[in-house]
PDB file of N, CA and C in Angstrom:
ATOM      1  N   MET A   1      -8.129 -17.718  28.306  1.00  0.00           N
ATOM      2  CA  MET A   1      -9.420 -17.073  27.746  1.00  0.00           C
ATOM      3  C   MET A   1      -9.212 -15.517  28.033  1.00  0.00           C
ATOM      4  N   LYS A   2      -9.373 -14.818  26.978  1.00  0.00           N
ATOM      5  CA  LYS A   2      -9.411 -13.486  27.185  1.00  0.00           C
ATOM      6  C   LYS A   2     -10.539 -12.766  27.928  1.00  0.00           C
ATOM      7  N   GLN A   3     -10.144 -11.695  28.578  1.00  0.00           N
ATOM      8  CA  GLN A   3     -10.908 -11.075  29.509  1.00  0.00           C
ATOM      9  C   GLN A   3     -11.942  -9.976  28.734  1.00  0.00           C
ATOM     10  N   THR A   4     -13.184  -9.779  28.832  1.00  0.00           N
ATOM     11  CA  THR A   4     -13.780  -8.749  28.111  1.00  0.00           C
ATOM     12  C   THR A   4     -14.169  -7.582  29.290  1.00  0.00           C
ATOM     13  N   GLY A   5     -14.416  -6.580  28.792  1.00  0.00           N
ATOM     14  CA  GLY A   5     -14.574  -5.416  29.740  1.00  0.00           C
ATOM     15  C   GLY A   5     -16.011  -5.419  30.221  1.00  0.00           C
ATOM     16  N   THR A   6     -16.329  -4.549  30.954  1.00  0.00           N
ATOM     17  CA  THR A   6     -17.799  -4.680  31.611  1.00  0.00           C
ATOM     18  C   THR A   6     -18.848  -4.191  30.427  1.00  0.00           C
ATOM     19  N   TYR A   7     -18.377  -3.329  29.706  1.00  0.00           N
ATOM     20  CA  TYR A   7     -19.350  -2.683  28.645  1.00  0.00           C
ATOM     21  C   TYR A   7     -18.735  -2.332  27.548  1.00  0.00           C
ATOM     22  N   CYS A   8     -19.106  -2.448  26.158  1.00  0.00           N
ATOM     23  CA  CYS A   8     -18.715  -1.734  25.143  1.00  0.00           C
ATOM     24  C   CYS A   8     -19.926  -1.710  24.161  1.00  0.00           C
ATOM     25  N   LYS A   9     -19.841  -0.876  23.309  1.00  0.00           N
ATOM     26  CA  LYS A   9     -21.140  -0.896  22.282  1.00  0.00           C
ATOM     27  C   LYS A   9     -20.446  -0.569  20.712  1.00  0.00           C
ATOM     28  N   ALA A  10     -20.905  -1.269  19.820  1.00  0.00           N
ATOM     29  CA  ALA A  10     -20.425  -1.153  18.465  1.00  0.00           C
ATOM     30  C   ALA A  10     -21.043   0.035  17.812  1.00  0.00           C
ATOM     31  N   TYR A  11     -20.278   0.656  16.975  1.00  0.00           N
ATOM     32  CA  TYR A  11     -20.654   1.766  16.218  1.00  0.00           C
ATOM     33  C   TYR A  11     -20.030   1.838  14.717  1.00  0.00           C
ATOM     34  N   GLU A  12     -20.788   2.140  13.840  1.00  0.00           N
ATOM     35  CA  GLU A  12     -20.264   2.402  12.581  1.00  0.00           C
ATOM     36  C   GLU A  12     -19.049   3.307  12.541  1.00  0.00           C
ATOM     37  N   THR A  13     -17.995   3.054  11.872  1.00  0.00           N
ATOM     38  CA  THR A  13     -16.783   3.821  11.856  1.00  0.00           C
ATOM     39  C   THR A  13     -17.132   5.168  11.416  1.00  0.00           C
ATOM     40  N   ALA A  14     -18.011   5.371  10.487  1.00  0.00           N
ATOM     41  CA  ALA A  14     -18.354   6.659  10.102  1.00  0.00           C
ATOM     42  C   ALA A  14     -18.994   7.503  11.107  1.00  0.00           C
ATOM     43  N   ARG A  15     -19.754   6.966  12.164  1.00  0.00           N
ATOM     44  CA  ARG A  15     -20.302   7.827  12.968  1.00  0.00           C
ATOM     45  C   ARG A  15     -19.272   8.242  13.965  1.00  0.00           C
ATOM     46  N   LEU A  16     -18.231   7.289  14.420  1.00  0.00           N
ATOM     47  CA  LEU A  16     -16.935   7.990  15.178  1.00  0.00           C
ATOM     48  C   LEU A  16     -16.225   8.761  14.411  1.00  0.00           C
ATOM     49  N   ALA A  17     -15.970   8.720  13.109  1.00  0.00           N
ATOM     50  CA  ALA A  17     -15.253   9.669  12.514  1.00  0.00           C
ATOM     51  C   ALA A  17     -15.897  10.977  12.334  1.00  0.00           C
ATOM     52  N   GLU A  18     -16.949  11.132  12.656  1.00  0.00           N
ATOM     53  CA  GLU A  18     -17.718  12.632  12.827  1.00  0.00           C
ATOM     54  C   GLU A  18     -16.972  13.384  13.912  1.00  0.00           C
ATOM     55  N   PHE A  19     -16.192  12.862  14.668  1.00  0.00           N
ATOM     56  CA  PHE A  19     -15.539  13.495  15.755  1.00  0.00           C
ATOM     57  C   PHE A  19     -14.200  14.412  15.134  1.00  0.00           C
ATOM     58  N   PRO A  20     -14.193  15.605  15.411  1.00  0.00           N
ATOM     59  CA  PRO A  20     -13.097  16.290  14.786  1.00  0.00           C
ATOM     60  C   PRO A  20     -11.743  15.915  14.945  1.00  0.00           C
ATOM     61  N   GLY A  21     -11.338  15.351  16.217  1.00  0.00           N
ATOM     62  CA  GLY A  21     -10.279  14.687  16.518  1.00  0.00           C
ATOM     63  C   GLY A  21      -9.915  13.268  16.190  1.00  0.00           C
ATOM     64  N   TRP A  22     -10.884  12.738  15.224  1.00  0.00           N
ATOM     65  CA  TRP A  22     -10.556  11.265  14.599  1.00  0.00           C
ATOM     66  C   TRP A  22      -9.659  11.101  13.791  1.00  0.00           C
ATOM     67  N   PRO A  23      -8.613  10.139  14.037  1.00  0.00           N
ATOM     68  CA  PRO A  23      -7.656  10.037  12.979  1.00  0.00           C
ATOM     69  C   PRO A  23      -7.913  10.210  11.523  1.00  0.00           C
ATOM     70  N   ALA A  24      -7.354  10.687  10.755  1.00  0.00           N
ATOM     71  CA  ALA A  24      -7.722  11.110   9.203  1.00  0.00           C
ATOM     72  C   ALA A  24      -8.005   9.831   8.364  1.00  0.00           C
ATOM     73  N   ASP A  25      -7.088   8.792   8.574  1.00  0.00           N
ATOM     74  CA  ASP A  25      -7.262   7.754   7.800  1.00  0.00           C
ATOM     75  C   ASP A  25      -6.988   6.325   8.956  1.00  0.00           C
ATOM     76  N   PRO A  26      -8.050   6.088   9.665  1.00  0.00           N
ATOM     77  CA  PRO A  26      -8.058   5.191  10.530  1.00  0.00           C
ATOM     78  C   PRO A  26      -7.771   3.648   9.954  1.00  0.00           C
ATOM     79  N   ALA A  27      -7.886   3.457   8.648  1.00  0.00           N
ATOM     80  CA  ALA A  27      -7.650   2.236   8.112  1.00  0.00           C
ATOM     81  C   ALA A  27      -8.622   1.160   8.664  1.00  0.00           C
ATOM     82  N   GLN A  28      -9.729   1.516   9.236  1.00  0.00           N
ATOM     83  CA  GLN A  28     -10.831   0.620   9.566  1.00  0.00           C
ATOM     84  C   GLN A  28     -11.989   0.823   8.843  1.00  0.00           C
ATOM     85  N   THR A  29     -12.779  -0.260   8.617  1.00  0.00           N
ATOM     86  CA  THR A  29     -14.016   0.029   8.211  1.00  0.00           C
ATOM     87  C   THR A  29     -14.982  -0.752   8.777  1.00  0.00           C
ATOM     88  N   GLY A  30     -16.292  -0.566   8.552  1.00  0.00           N
ATOM     89  CA  GLY A  30     -17.323  -1.439   9.380  1.00  0.00           C
ATOM     90  C   GLY A  30     -17.802  -0.980  10.627  1.00  0.00           C
ATOM     91  N   HIS A  31     -17.568  -1.680  11.480  1.00  0.00           N
ATOM     92  CA  HIS A  31     -17.856  -1.319  12.942  1.00  0.00           C
ATOM     93  C   HIS A  31     -16.547  -1.319  13.898  1.00  0.00           C
ATOM     94  N   LEU A  32     -16.707  -0.491  14.783  1.00  0.00           N
ATOM     95  CA  LEU A  32     -15.574  -0.543  15.907  1.00  0.00           C
ATOM     96  C   LEU A  32     -16.467  -0.437  17.240  1.00  0.00           C
ATOM     97  N   PHE A  33     -15.530  -0.764  18.282  1.00  0.00           N
ATOM     98  CA  PHE A  33     -16.225  -0.787  19.420  1.00  0.00           C
ATOM     99  C   PHE A  33     -15.812   0.220  20.547  1.00  0.00           C
ATOM    100  N   LEU A  34     -16.787   0.827  20.994  1.00  0.00           N
ATOM    101  CA  LEU A  34     -16.434   2.040  22.115  1.00  0.00           C
ATOM    102  C   LEU A  34     -16.591   1.324  23.543  1.00  0.00           C
ATOM    103  N   HIS A  35     -15.697   1.480  24.245  1.00  0.00           N
ATOM    104  CA  HIS A  35     -15.690   0.945  25.575  1.00  0.00           C
ATOM    105  C   HIS A  35     -15.885   1.846  26.666  1.00  0.00           C
ATOM    106  N   GLU A  36     -16.215   1.291  27.910  1.00  0.00           N
ATOM    107  CA  GLU A  36     -16.584   2.004  29.045  1.00  0.00           C
ATOM    108  C   GLU A  36     -15.484   3.189  29.431  1.00  0.00           C
ATOM    109  N   ASP A  37     -14.184   2.951  29.080  1.00  0.00           N
ATOM    110  CA  ASP A  37     -13.317   3.753  29.314  1.00  0.00           C
ATOM    111  C   ASP A  37     -12.980   4.855  28.268  1.00  0.00           C
ATOM    112  N   PHE A  38     -13.808   4.805  27.311  1.00  0.00           N
ATOM    113  CA  PHE A  38     -13.941   5.702  26.012  1.00  0.00           C
ATOM    114  C   PHE A  38     -12.739   5.418  25.001  1.00  0.00           C
ATOM    115  N   THR A  39     -12.146   4.129  25.061  1.00  0.00           N
ATOM    116  CA  THR A  39     -11.285   3.909  24.198  1.00  0.00           C
ATOM    117  C   THR A  39     -11.950   3.164  22.872  1.00  0.00           C
ATOM    118  N   VAL A  40     -11.513   3.109  21.749  1.00  0.00           N
ATOM    119  CA  VAL A  40     -12.110   2.505  20.754  1.00  0.00           C
ATOM    120  C   VAL A  40     -11.252   1.331  19.989  1.00  0.00           C
ATOM    121  N   THR A  41     -11.749   0.166  19.905  1.00  0.00           N
ATOM    122  CA  THR A  41     -10.964  -0.832  19.417  1.00  0.00           C
ATOM    123  C   THR A  41     -11.582  -1.689  18.314  1.00  0.00           C
ATOM    124  N   GLY A  42     -10.860  -2.473  17.671  1.00  0.00           N
ATOM    125  CA  GLY A  42     -11.466  -3.194  16.577  1.00  0.00           C
ATOM    126  C   GLY A  42     -12.060  -4.523  16.938  1.00  0.00           C
ATOM    127  N   GLY A  43     -12.185  -4.720  18.189  1.00  0.00           N
ATOM    128  CA  GLY A  43     -12.978  -6.032  18.802  1.00  0.00           C
ATOM    129  C   GLY A  43     -13.400  -5.542  20.127  1.00  0.00           C
ATOM    130  N   ILE A  44     -14.161  -6.740  20.735  1.00  0.00           N
ATOM    131  CA  ILE A  44     -14.784  -6.445  21.991  1.00  0.00           C
ATOM    132  C   ILE A  44     -13.813  -6.582  23.019  1.00  0.00           C
ATOM    133  N   PHE A  45     -12.579  -6.794  22.854  1.00  0.00           N
ATOM    134  CA  PHE A  45     -11.582  -7.151  23.985  1.00  0.00           C
ATOM    135  C   PHE A  45     -10.984  -5.740  24.191  1.00  0.00           C
ATOM    136  N   PRO A  46     -10.990  -5.062  25.474  1.00  0.00           N
ATOM    137  CA  PRO A  46     -10.504  -3.849  25.603  1.00  0.00           C
ATOM    138  C   PRO A  46      -8.830  -3.991  25.829  1.00  0.00           C
ATOM    139  N   GLY A  47      -8.243  -2.905  25.301  1.00  0.00           N
ATOM    140  CA  GLY A  47      -6.883  -2.959  25.249  1.00  0.00           C
ATOM    141  C   GLY A  47      -6.163  -3.590  23.926  1.00  0.00           C
ATOM    142  N   GLU A  48      -7.034  -4.278  23.229  1.00  0.00           N
ATOM    143  CA  GLU A  48      -6.413  -5.144  22.134  1.00  0.00           C
ATOM    144  C   GLU A  48      -6.901  -4.440  20.928  1.00  0.00           C
ATOM    145  N   ALA A  49      -6.049  -4.297  19.785  1.00  0.00           N
ATOM    146  CA  ALA A  49      -6.469  -3.747  18.634  1.00  0.00           C
ATOM    147  C   ALA A  49      -7.024  -2.430  18.790  1.00  0.00           C
ATOM    148  N   VAL A  50      -6.171  -1.658  19.528  1.00  0.00           N
ATOM    149  CA  VAL A  50      -6.613  -0.094  19.827  1.00  0.00           C
ATOM    150  C   VAL A  50      -6.738   0.637  18.535  1.00  0.00           C
ATOM    151  N   VAL A  51      -7.722   1.270  18.251  1.00  0.00           N
ATOM    152  CA  VAL A  51      -7.788   2.191  17.007  1.00  0.00           C
ATOM    153  C   VAL A  51      -7.720   3.791  17.529  1.00  0.00           C
ATOM    154  N   PHE A  52      -8.281   3.903  18.664  1.00  0.00           N
ATOM    155  CA  PHE A  52      -8.306   5.274  19.304  1.00  0.00           C
ATOM    156  C   PHE A  52      -8.276   5.434  20.701  1.00  0.00           C
ATOM    157  N   ASP A  53      -7.193   6.094  21.387  1.00  0.00           N
ATOM    158  CA  ASP A  53      -7.285   6.283  22.832  1.00  0.00           C
ATOM    159  C   ASP A  53      -6.883   7.608  23.378  1.00  0.00           C
ATOM    160  N   ALA A  54      -7.295   8.469  22.264  1.00  0.00           N
ATOM    161  CA  ALA A  54      -6.904   9.846  22.870  1.00  0.00           C
ATOM    162  C   ALA A  54      -8.253  10.335  23.597  1.00  0.00           C
ATOM    163  N   VAL A  55      -8.394   9.968  24.662  1.00  0.00           N
ATOM    164  CA  VAL A  55      -9.649  10.318  25.578  1.00  0.00           C
ATOM    165  C   VAL A  55      -9.349  11.723  26.059  1.00  0.00           C
ATOM    166  N   THR A  56     -10.097  12.537  25.787  1.00  0.00           N
ATOM    167  CA  THR A  56      -9.983  14.047  26.258  1.00  0.00           C
ATOM    168  C   THR A  56     -11.612  14.360  26.548  1.00  0.00           C
ATOM    169  N   PRO A  57     -11.683  15.493  27.371  1.00  0.00           N
ATOM    170  CA  PRO A  57     -13.033  15.787  27.738  1.00  0.00           C
ATOM    171  C   PRO A  57     -13.833  16.303  26.353  1.00  0.00           C
ATOM    172  N   GLU A  58     -13.340  16.526  25.254  1.00  0.00           N
ATOM    173  CA  GLU A  58     -14.231  16.710  24.111  1.00  0.00           C
ATOM    174  C   GLU A  58     -14.638  15.458  23.440  1.00  0.00           C
ATOM    175  N   TRP A  59     -13.771  14.475  23.515  1.00  0.00           N
ATOM    176  CA  TRP A  59     -14.282  13.006  23.152  1.00  0.00           C
ATOM    177  C   TRP A  59     -15.320  12.462  23.905  1.00  0.00           C
ATOM    178  N   VAL A  60     -15.267  12.467  25.329  1.00  0.00           N
ATOM    179  CA  VAL A  60     -16.311  12.006  26.094  1.00  0.00           C
ATOM    180  C   VAL A  60     -17.501  12.575  26.096  1.00  0.00           C
ATOM    181  N   GLU A  61     -17.448  14.212  25.780  1.00  0.00           N
ATOM    182  CA  GLU A  61     -18.758  14.851  25.388  1.00  0.00           C
ATOM    183  C   GLU A  61     -19.217  14.226  24.059  1.00  0.00           C
ATOM    184  N   PHE A  62     -18.550  14.268  23.109  1.00  0.00           N
ATOM    185  CA  PHE A  62     -18.987  13.610  21.962  1.00  0.00           C
ATOM    186  C   PHE A  62     -19.738  12.514  21.876  1.00  0.00           C
ATOM    187  N   CYS A  63     -18.892  11.561  22.827  1.00  0.00           N
ATOM    188  CA  CYS A  63     -19.602  10.146  22.893  1.00  0.00           C
ATOM    189  C   CYS A  63     -20.953  10.159  23.720  1.00  0.00           C
ATOM    190  N   ARG A  64     -20.936  10.874  24.802  1.00  0.00           N
ATOM    191  CA  ARG A  64     -22.236  10.916  25.558  1.00  0.00           C
ATOM    192  C   ARG A  64     -23.229  11.729  24.934  1.00  0.00           C
ATOM    193  N   GLY A  65     -22.914  12.966  24.203  1.00  0.00           N
ATOM    194  CA  GLY A  65     -23.861  13.823  23.457  1.00  0.00           C
ATOM    195  C   GLY A  65     -24.260  13.178  22.026  1.00  0.00           C
ATOM    196  N   ARG A  66     -23.410  13.408  20.964  1.00  0.00           N
ATOM    197  CA  ARG A  66     -23.780  12.864  19.790  1.00  0.00           C
ATOM    198  C   ARG A  66     -24.062  11.410  19.658  1.00  0.00           C
ATOM    199  N   LEU A  67     -23.252  10.568  20.372  1.00  0.00           N
ATOM    200  CA  LEU A  67     -23.548   9.080  20.197  1.00  0.00           C
ATOM    201  C   LEU A  67     -24.379   8.593  21.205  1.00  0.00           C
ATOM    202  N   GLN A  68     -24.687   9.347  22.253  1.00  0.00           N
ATOM    203  CA  GLN A  68     -25.678   8.927  23.302  1.00  0.00           C
ATOM    204  C   GLN A  68     -24.967   7.682  24.044  1.00  0.00           C
ATOM    205  N   PHE A  69     -23.825   7.657  24.211  1.00  0.00           N
ATOM    206  CA  PHE A  69     -23.278   6.456  24.733  1.00  0.00           C
ATOM    207  C   PHE A  69     -23.185   6.487  26.307  1.00  0.00           C
ATOM    208  N   ALA A  70     -23.519   5.674  26.995  1.00  0.00           N
ATOM    209  CA  ALA A  70     -23.412   5.752  28.511  1.00  0.00           C
ATOM    210  C   ALA A  70     -23.305   4.193  28.864  1.00  0.00           C
ATOM    211  N   ALA A  71     -22.106   3.992  29.607  1.00  0.00           N
ATOM    212  CA  ALA A  71     -21.919   2.592  30.310  1.00  0.00           C
ATOM    213  C   ALA A  71     -23.258   2.145  31.120  1.00  0.00           C
ATOM    214  N   LEU A  72     -23.293   1.153  31.335  1.00  0.00           N
ATOM    215  CA  LEU A  72     -24.498   0.502  32.004  1.00  0.00           C
ATOM    216  C   LEU A  72     -24.558   1.267  33.416  1.00  0.00           C
ATOM    217  N   ALA A  73     -23.655   1.355  34.235  1.00  0.00           N
ATOM    218  CA  ALA A  73     -23.385   2.013  35.562  1.00  0.00           C
ATOM    219  C   ALA A  73     -23.932   3.458  35.455  1.00  0.00           C
ATOM    220  N   GLU A  74     -23.540   4.054  34.377  1.00  0.00           N
ATOM    221  CA  GLU A  74     -23.815   5.576  34.326  1.00  0.00           C
ATOM    222  C   GLU A  74     -25.543   5.586  34.041  1.00  0.00           C
ATOM    223  N   GLU A  75     -26.096   4.702  33.568  1.00  0.00           N
ATOM    224  CA  GLU A  75     -27.595   4.867  33.064  1.00  0.00           C
ATOM    225  C   GLU A  75     -28.315   4.463  34.453  1.00  0.00           C
ATOM    226  N   GLU A  76     -27.880   3.874  35.582  1.00  0.00           N
ATOM    227  CA  GLU A  76     -28.638   3.681  36.479  1.00  0.00           C
ATOM    228  C   GLU A  76     -28.937   4.923  37.630  1.00  0.00           C
TER     229      GLU A  76
END
């Protein structure tokens, strides 16, 4: 049985692609999953089907600011 991470949230690909450093042609449509470590995958399992893993301070700020993303532990 595959292990899931503690937290992830689905976003429309278009929302994620608003980030200036997003890959020009990620070849993904629909929804992708943003994980608590700020990587993005095609499914709920962290580390599998990775679409974006260029975690930089700018990306983290984009996720927290524009997307209002916060892992459950950060919300407490």
